[in-house]
Amino acid sequence: MTRLLAALLLLAACGHAAAPPAPPRAAATSPAAAPPAPPAPRTDAPVDVGATTATANAAYEAGDFPACAAAFTRVAEHARGTAQQTAYYNAACCHARAGALDDGFALLRRGIDAGLRDLTGAMDDPDLARLRADPRWAEVVAAADTATAAYERTLGAPALRRELLALVAEDQAARMQMIAHRDDRAAMDAVAAIDRRTTARMKAIVAASGWPGRAQVGDDGAHAAWLLVQHADLDLPFQKQCLALMEPLAASGEVTAVDVAYLHDRVAVAEGRPQRYGTQFGPDREPRPIEDPDHVDARRAAVGMPSMAEYRAMMTQMYGPPPAK
């Protein structure tokens, strides 16, 4: 299972940490594959996506895989974009763990229909081992590959998209190693080296063609570009330049408001100013100073973020409890 969306954002909230890239999207089915999944059921009852995701993760940790699958499916029914794709993927993982292979394949197909474009990261995910052992697995992968190729034909710079995703995969793998080995100087040095290299590459990309938005590199590629700049902490002027490029693109959907919010806070904290959305935390697991903190949840909701309370809960789940004082 992967907590890609929450993990990536949480890890981008700290000065030196991050997580696996969000799974790319796809949107096709193979005629030879398992029967198409029925339309995802919808309900009129409101669903708190952040709280339900926390419930799903807790069920997973407790080994209650049917409950985990049900909760992630509820998230997927009410989320959109990467959050929806990730939730379908996670629901499939939980079904697979529970031995409900038909349901697992059905949820993967829904993920593909929702935009899951690349199953590369699923090839060694232990949660999907039972699905990979089933003949239907090859058919689902072929469907995702076909959809990825079709999707890339709609983009202005598909090769750049693939490069950005590869750079983020390297970034995230190094940061996960650093989190796992917190006192390992070599792991920290590896992250710093990657940051220098990816910052240089992003500067070249921006200088050549401006900010790589969704029309050029897709939503996952644009998100990957943001993450690389989010980690360009040694070059604050470049982060500010990218923020200025991204802000007007949010209105047209070329970049997401959430990505802009995170980079806005990153720059503010680096300049010693209060952050606006409360995304940046310190080593003590407390947010850096926030402007008008009484209304931060309203600002977060306006750009599609969970409340600060939910965010703190996810932070604790990702990094563990705050260090003892």
Protein backbone atom coordinates (compact mmCIF):
# COMPACT_ATOMS: atom_id res chain seq x y z
CA MET A 1 0.00 0.00 0.00
CA THR A 2 1.16 3.54 -0.56
CA ARG A 3 0.19 6.75 1.19
CA LEU A 4 1.55 8.70 -1.72
CA LEU A 5 -0.46 11.88 -1.62
CA ALA A 6 -0.37 12.43 2.13
CA ALA A 7 3.22 11.27 2.45
CA LEU A 8 4.52 13.41 -0.36
CA LEU A 9 2.88 16.52 1.03
CA LEU A 10 3.86 15.79 4.62
CA LEU A 11 7.44 15.18 3.67
CA ALA A 12 7.47 18.36 1.64
CA ALA A 13 6.44 20.09 4.85
CA CYS A 14 9.84 19.56 6.42
CA GLY A 15 13.06 21.11 5.28
CA HIS A 16 14.77 17.85 4.46
CA ALA A 17 12.32 15.01 3.80
CA ALA A 18 9.92 13.55 1.17
CA ALA A 19 8.24 10.35 -0.22
CA PRO A 20 7.48 8.15 -3.27
CA PRO A 21 6.06 9.96 -6.29
CA ALA A 22 2.34 9.99 -6.85
CA PRO A 23 1.37 7.20 -9.23
CA PRO A 24 0.94 8.36 -12.81
CA ARG A 25 -2.49 8.11 -14.36
CA ALA A 26 -4.16 6.10 -17.10
CA ALA A 27 -7.65 5.63 -18.49
CA ALA A 28 -8.27 2.55 -20.55
CA THR A 29 -9.26 -1.08 -20.15
CA SER A 30 -8.04 -4.13 -22.01
CA PRO A 31 -10.74 -6.09 -23.85
CA ALA A 32 -9.18 -9.32 -22.63
CA ALA A 33 -8.93 -8.25 -19.03
CA ALA A 34 -11.28 -8.90 -16.16
CA PRO A 35 -14.85 -7.65 -16.62
CA PRO A 36 -14.99 -3.85 -16.32
CA ALA A 37 -15.56 -2.58 -12.84
CA PRO A 38 -19.06 -1.29 -12.23
CA PRO A 39 -19.35 2.46 -11.74
CA ALA A 40 -18.09 3.54 -8.36
CA PRO A 41 -21.06 3.92 -6.04
CA ARG A 42 -21.76 7.43 -4.82
CA THR A 43 -23.52 8.51 -1.71
CA ASP A 44 -25.04 11.78 -0.71
CA ALA A 45 -23.60 11.52 2.79
CA PRO A 46 -20.64 13.88 3.28
CA VAL A 47 -17.25 12.22 3.74
CA ASP A 48 -14.32 13.82 5.53
CA VAL A 49 -11.56 12.65 3.22
CA GLY A 50 -8.72 13.39 5.67
CA ALA A 51 -10.39 11.65 8.61
CA THR A 52 -11.48 8.67 6.50
CA THR A 53 -7.95 8.30 5.13
CA ALA A 54 -6.63 8.24 8.70
CA THR A 55 -9.23 5.57 9.53
CA ALA A 56 -8.14 3.53 6.52
CA ASN A 57 -4.46 3.77 7.46
CA ALA A 58 -5.23 2.77 11.05
CA ALA A 59 -7.19 -0.26 9.83
CA TYR A 60 -4.26 -1.24 7.62
CA GLU A 61 -1.81 -1.00 10.52
CA ALA A 62 -4.18 -3.11 12.63
CA GLY A 63 -4.43 -5.77 9.92
CA ASP A 64 -8.15 -5.17 9.38
CA PHE A 65 -7.89 -5.23 5.60
CA PRO A 66 -11.63 -5.39 4.78
CA ALA A 67 -12.18 -2.24 6.86
CA CYS A 68 -9.13 -0.64 5.24
CA ALA A 69 -10.49 -1.38 1.76
CA ALA A 70 -13.93 -0.04 2.62
CA ALA A 71 -12.53 3.20 4.03
CA PHE A 72 -10.22 3.83 1.09
CA THR A 73 -13.08 3.13 -1.30
CA ARG A 74 -15.14 5.81 0.47
CA VAL A 75 -12.24 8.22 0.04
CA ALA A 76 -11.99 7.39 -3.66
CA GLU A 77 -15.71 7.98 -4.17
CA HIS A 78 -15.40 11.53 -2.88
CA ALA A 79 -11.87 12.58 -3.83
CA ARG A 80 -10.57 13.72 -7.19
CA GLY A 81 -7.28 13.66 -9.08
CA THR A 82 -4.25 12.06 -7.47
CA ALA A 83 -6.05 11.62 -4.16
CA GLN A 84 -8.73 9.54 -5.86
CA GLN A 85 -6.22 7.46 -7.81
CA THR A 86 -4.16 6.78 -4.70
CA ALA A 87 -7.26 5.79 -2.72
CA TYR A 88 -8.36 3.29 -5.37
CA TYR A 89 -4.85 1.84 -5.46
CA ASN A 90 -4.75 1.52 -1.68
CA ALA A 91 -8.21 -0.05 -1.61
CA ALA A 92 -7.00 -2.61 -4.14
CA CYS A 93 -4.00 -3.35 -1.92
CA CYS A 94 -6.22 -3.93 1.08
CA HIS A 95 -8.56 -6.20 -0.90
CA ALA A 96 -5.52 -8.17 -2.08
CA ARG A 97 -4.29 -8.55 1.49
CA ALA A 98 -7.73 -9.80 2.48
CA GLY A 99 -7.73 -12.34 -0.36
CA ALA A 100 -10.61 -10.59 -2.18
CA LEU A 101 -8.89 -10.70 -5.57
CA ASP A 102 -11.94 -9.90 -7.68
CA ASP A 103 -12.53 -6.76 -5.64
CA GLY A 104 -8.85 -5.89 -5.81
CA PHE A 105 -8.81 -6.03 -9.58
CA ALA A 106 -12.07 -4.09 -9.77
CA LEU A 107 -10.61 -1.26 -7.67
CA LEU A 108 -7.43 -1.17 -9.71
CA ARG A 109 -9.55 -0.84 -12.85
CA ARG A 110 -11.44 2.02 -11.27
CA GLY A 111 -8.10 3.64 -10.46
CA ILE A 112 -7.06 3.34 -14.09
CA ASP A 113 -10.35 4.80 -15.22
CA ALA A 114 -9.80 7.65 -12.74
CA GLY A 115 -6.36 8.37 -14.17
CA LEU A 116 -3.82 5.94 -12.68
CA ARG A 117 -1.35 5.91 -15.55
CA ASP A 118 1.60 3.85 -14.42
CA LEU A 119 1.77 0.68 -12.34
CA THR A 120 5.57 0.54 -12.21
CA GLY A 121 5.61 1.10 -8.46
CA ALA A 122 3.14 -1.75 -8.02
CA MET A 123 5.54 -4.33 -9.44
CA ASP A 124 7.26 -4.91 -6.11
CA ASP A 125 4.56 -3.75 -3.70
CA PRO A 126 4.16 -6.68 -1.28
CA ASP A 127 0.51 -5.79 -0.71
CA LEU A 128 -0.26 -6.67 -4.33
CA ALA A 129 1.60 -10.00 -4.42
CA ARG A 130 -1.61 -12.03 -4.74
CA LEU A 131 -2.84 -9.90 -7.63
CA ARG A 132 0.50 -10.17 -9.43
CA ALA A 133 0.27 -13.97 -9.19
CA ASP A 134 -3.10 -13.90 -10.98
CA PRO A 135 -3.23 -14.05 -14.82
CA ARG A 136 -5.36 -10.90 -14.83
CA TRP A 137 -2.42 -8.86 -13.61
CA ALA A 138 -0.71 -8.78 -17.01
CA GLU A 139 -3.92 -7.61 -18.63
CA VAL A 140 -4.34 -4.75 -16.16
CA VAL A 141 -0.74 -3.64 -16.64
CA ALA A 142 -1.17 -3.72 -20.43
CA ALA A 143 -4.30 -1.60 -20.10
CA ALA A 144 -2.45 0.95 -17.97
CA ASP A 145 0.45 1.03 -20.44
CA THR A 146 -1.92 1.60 -23.34
CA ALA A 147 -3.64 4.39 -21.48
CA THR A 148 -0.31 5.98 -20.56
CA ALA A 149 0.77 6.06 -24.19
CA ALA A 150 -2.56 7.56 -25.23
CA TYR A 151 -2.32 10.16 -22.48
CA GLU A 152 1.21 11.17 -23.39
CA ARG A 153 0.10 11.85 -26.96
CA THR A 154 -2.03 14.69 -25.55
CA LEU A 155 0.95 16.39 -23.86
CA GLY A 156 3.31 18.96 -25.26
CA ALA A 157 6.44 17.47 -23.63
CA PRO A 158 5.92 13.80 -22.76
CA ALA A 159 9.66 13.08 -22.56
CA LEU A 160 10.06 15.87 -20.01
CA ARG A 161 7.20 14.38 -18.00
CA ARG A 162 9.03 11.07 -17.80
CA GLU A 163 12.25 12.82 -16.82
CA LEU A 164 10.54 14.76 -14.03
CA LEU A 165 8.91 11.61 -12.65
CA ALA A 166 12.28 9.82 -12.69
CA LEU A 167 13.94 12.71 -10.87
CA VAL A 168 11.24 12.66 -8.20
CA ALA A 169 11.56 8.90 -7.79
CA GLU A 170 15.26 9.39 -7.03
CA ASP A 171 14.50 12.31 -4.70
CA GLN A 172 11.92 10.35 -2.78
CA ALA A 173 13.91 7.15 -2.46
CA ALA A 174 16.84 9.08 -0.97
CA ARG A 175 14.60 10.92 1.46
CA MET A 176 12.91 7.76 2.62
CA GLN A 177 16.36 6.32 3.34
CA MET A 178 17.20 9.45 5.31
CA ILE A 179 14.00 9.14 7.35
CA ALA A 180 14.71 5.46 8.03
CA HIS A 181 18.28 6.27 9.11
CA ARG A 182 17.92 9.63 10.78
CA ASP A 183 21.48 9.89 12.10
CA ASP A 184 23.20 8.57 8.98
CA ARG A 185 25.44 11.32 7.61
CA ALA A 186 25.81 9.49 4.31
CA ALA A 187 22.04 9.41 3.80
CA MET A 188 21.81 13.15 4.47
CA ASP A 189 24.69 13.84 2.09
CA ALA A 190 22.96 11.79 -0.60
CA VAL A 191 19.83 13.92 -0.29
CA ALA A 192 21.86 17.12 -0.46
CA ALA A 193 23.64 15.92 -3.59
CA ILE A 194 20.36 15.02 -5.27
CA ASP A 195 18.89 18.40 -4.35
CA ARG A 196 21.81 20.23 -5.93
CA ARG A 197 21.55 18.17 -9.10
CA THR A 198 17.78 18.41 -9.47
CA THR A 199 17.79 22.14 -8.71
CA ALA A 200 20.31 22.69 -11.49
CA ARG A 201 18.17 20.67 -13.88
CA MET A 202 14.99 22.53 -12.92
CA LYS A 203 16.74 25.86 -13.46
CA ALA A 204 17.70 24.74 -16.95
CA ILE A 205 14.13 23.60 -17.70
CA VAL A 206 12.57 26.84 -16.46
CA ALA A 207 15.13 28.96 -18.30
CA ALA A 208 14.43 27.11 -21.55
CA SER A 209 10.64 26.95 -21.54
CA GLY A 210 9.14 28.48 -18.40
CA TRP A 211 7.20 26.55 -15.80
CA PRO A 212 6.24 23.02 -16.95
CA GLY A 213 2.48 22.97 -16.43
CA ARG A 214 -0.17 20.34 -17.01
CA ALA A 215 -0.54 20.97 -20.74
CA GLN A 216 3.14 20.21 -21.23
CA VAL A 217 3.90 17.46 -18.71
CA GLY A 218 0.54 16.41 -17.26
CA ASP A 219 -0.70 16.84 -13.73
CA ASP A 220 1.78 14.32 -12.34
CA GLY A 221 4.68 15.92 -14.21
CA ALA A 222 3.72 19.42 -13.03
CA HIS A 223 3.39 18.08 -9.49
CA ALA A 224 6.82 16.47 -9.78
CA ALA A 225 8.34 19.76 -10.95
CA TRP A 226 6.86 21.50 -7.91
CA LEU A 227 8.30 18.92 -5.52
CA LEU A 228 11.78 19.33 -6.94
CA VAL A 229 11.56 23.10 -6.48
CA GLN A 230 10.08 22.64 -3.00
CA HIS A 231 13.33 20.91 -2.14
CA ALA A 232 15.56 23.57 -3.75
CA ASP A 233 16.16 25.08 -0.31
CA LEU A 234 19.73 26.08 -1.11
CA ASP A 235 18.48 28.43 -3.84
CA LEU A 236 15.79 30.63 -2.34
CA PRO A 237 15.83 33.13 -5.25
CA PHE A 238 14.99 30.27 -7.61
CA GLN A 239 12.15 29.10 -5.36
CA LYS A 240 10.77 32.65 -5.37
CA GLN A 241 11.09 32.81 -9.15
CA CYS A 242 9.14 29.56 -9.53
CA LEU A 243 6.47 30.71 -7.08
CA ALA A 244 5.96 33.85 -9.16
CA LEU A 245 5.62 31.68 -12.28
CA MET A 246 3.22 29.22 -10.65
CA GLU A 247 0.82 31.62 -8.93
CA PRO A 248 -0.92 32.93 -12.06
CA LEU A 249 -1.09 29.41 -13.52
CA ALA A 250 -3.24 28.13 -10.65
CA ALA A 251 -6.29 30.01 -11.94
CA SER A 252 -6.13 28.18 -15.27
CA GLY A 253 -5.48 24.78 -13.70
CA GLU A 254 -1.96 24.48 -15.09
CA VAL A 255 -0.73 23.99 -11.52
CA THR A 256 -2.63 23.09 -8.37
CA ALA A 257 -3.49 25.54 -5.64
CA VAL A 258 -2.13 23.09 -3.07
CA ASP A 259 1.31 23.07 -4.69
CA VAL A 260 1.33 26.87 -4.79
CA ALA A 261 0.32 26.97 -1.11
CA TYR A 262 3.18 24.69 -0.07
CA LEU A 263 5.77 26.67 -2.01
CA HIS A 264 4.35 29.96 -0.74
CA ASP A 265 4.81 28.74 2.84
CA ARG A 266 8.27 27.36 2.11
CA VAL A 267 9.45 30.71 0.78
CA ALA A 268 7.82 32.65 3.62
CA VAL A 269 9.48 30.51 6.30
CA ALA A 270 12.86 30.75 4.55
CA GLU A 271 12.52 34.53 4.59
CA GLY A 272 11.54 34.59 8.26
CA ARG A 273 7.92 35.54 7.60
CA PRO A 274 4.77 33.84 8.97
CA GLN A 275 3.42 31.18 6.65
CA ARG A 276 -0.12 31.37 5.31
CA TYR A 277 -1.34 27.75 5.21
CA GLY A 278 0.51 26.07 8.07
CA THR A 279 2.23 23.51 5.85
CA GLN A 280 5.76 23.90 7.21
CA PHE A 281 6.69 22.24 10.49
CA GLY A 282 9.88 22.28 12.50
CA PRO A 283 11.83 19.41 14.10
CA ASP A 284 9.60 19.74 17.17
CA ARG A 285 6.57 18.72 15.01
CA GLU A 286 5.09 22.17 15.54
CA PRO A 287 4.13 24.45 12.66
CA ARG A 288 6.31 27.43 11.96
CA PRO A 289 4.58 30.75 12.83
CA ILE A 290 1.29 31.24 10.94
CA GLU A 291 -0.30 34.52 9.97
CA ASP A 292 -3.85 34.94 11.31
CA PRO A 293 -3.85 31.41 12.79
CA ASP A 294 -7.53 31.59 13.76
CA HIS A 295 -8.47 31.41 10.07
CA VAL A 296 -5.82 29.02 8.79
CA ASP A 297 -8.28 26.13 8.45
CA ALA A 298 -10.52 28.29 6.25
CA ARG A 299 -7.59 29.14 4.01
CA ARG A 300 -6.57 25.49 3.87
CA ALA A 301 -10.07 24.38 2.98
CA ALA A 302 -10.23 26.98 0.20
CA VAL A 303 -7.35 25.27 -1.62
CA GLY A 304 -8.40 21.70 -0.82
CA MET A 305 -6.27 20.91 2.23
CA PRO A 306 -7.39 19.05 5.36
CA SER A 307 -7.66 20.85 8.67
CA MET A 308 -4.60 21.50 10.81
CA ALA A 309 -5.81 18.88 13.28
CA GLU A 310 -5.97 16.24 10.54
CA TYR A 311 -2.63 17.40 9.18
CA ARG A 312 -1.02 17.05 12.60
CA ALA A 313 -2.43 13.53 12.90
CA MET A 314 -0.96 12.57 9.53
CA MET A 315 2.35 14.16 10.48
CA THR A 316 2.49 12.04 13.63
CA GLN A 317 1.62 8.93 11.66
CA MET A 318 4.36 9.68 9.13
CA TYR A 319 7.15 10.75 11.49
CA GLY A 320 6.11 9.40 14.85
CA PRO A 321 5.26 11.37 17.99
CA PRO A 322 6.98 14.69 18.69
CA PRO A 323 10.38 14.36 20.34
CA ALA A 324 10.40 14.57 24.11
CA LYS A 325 11.08 18.03 25.45
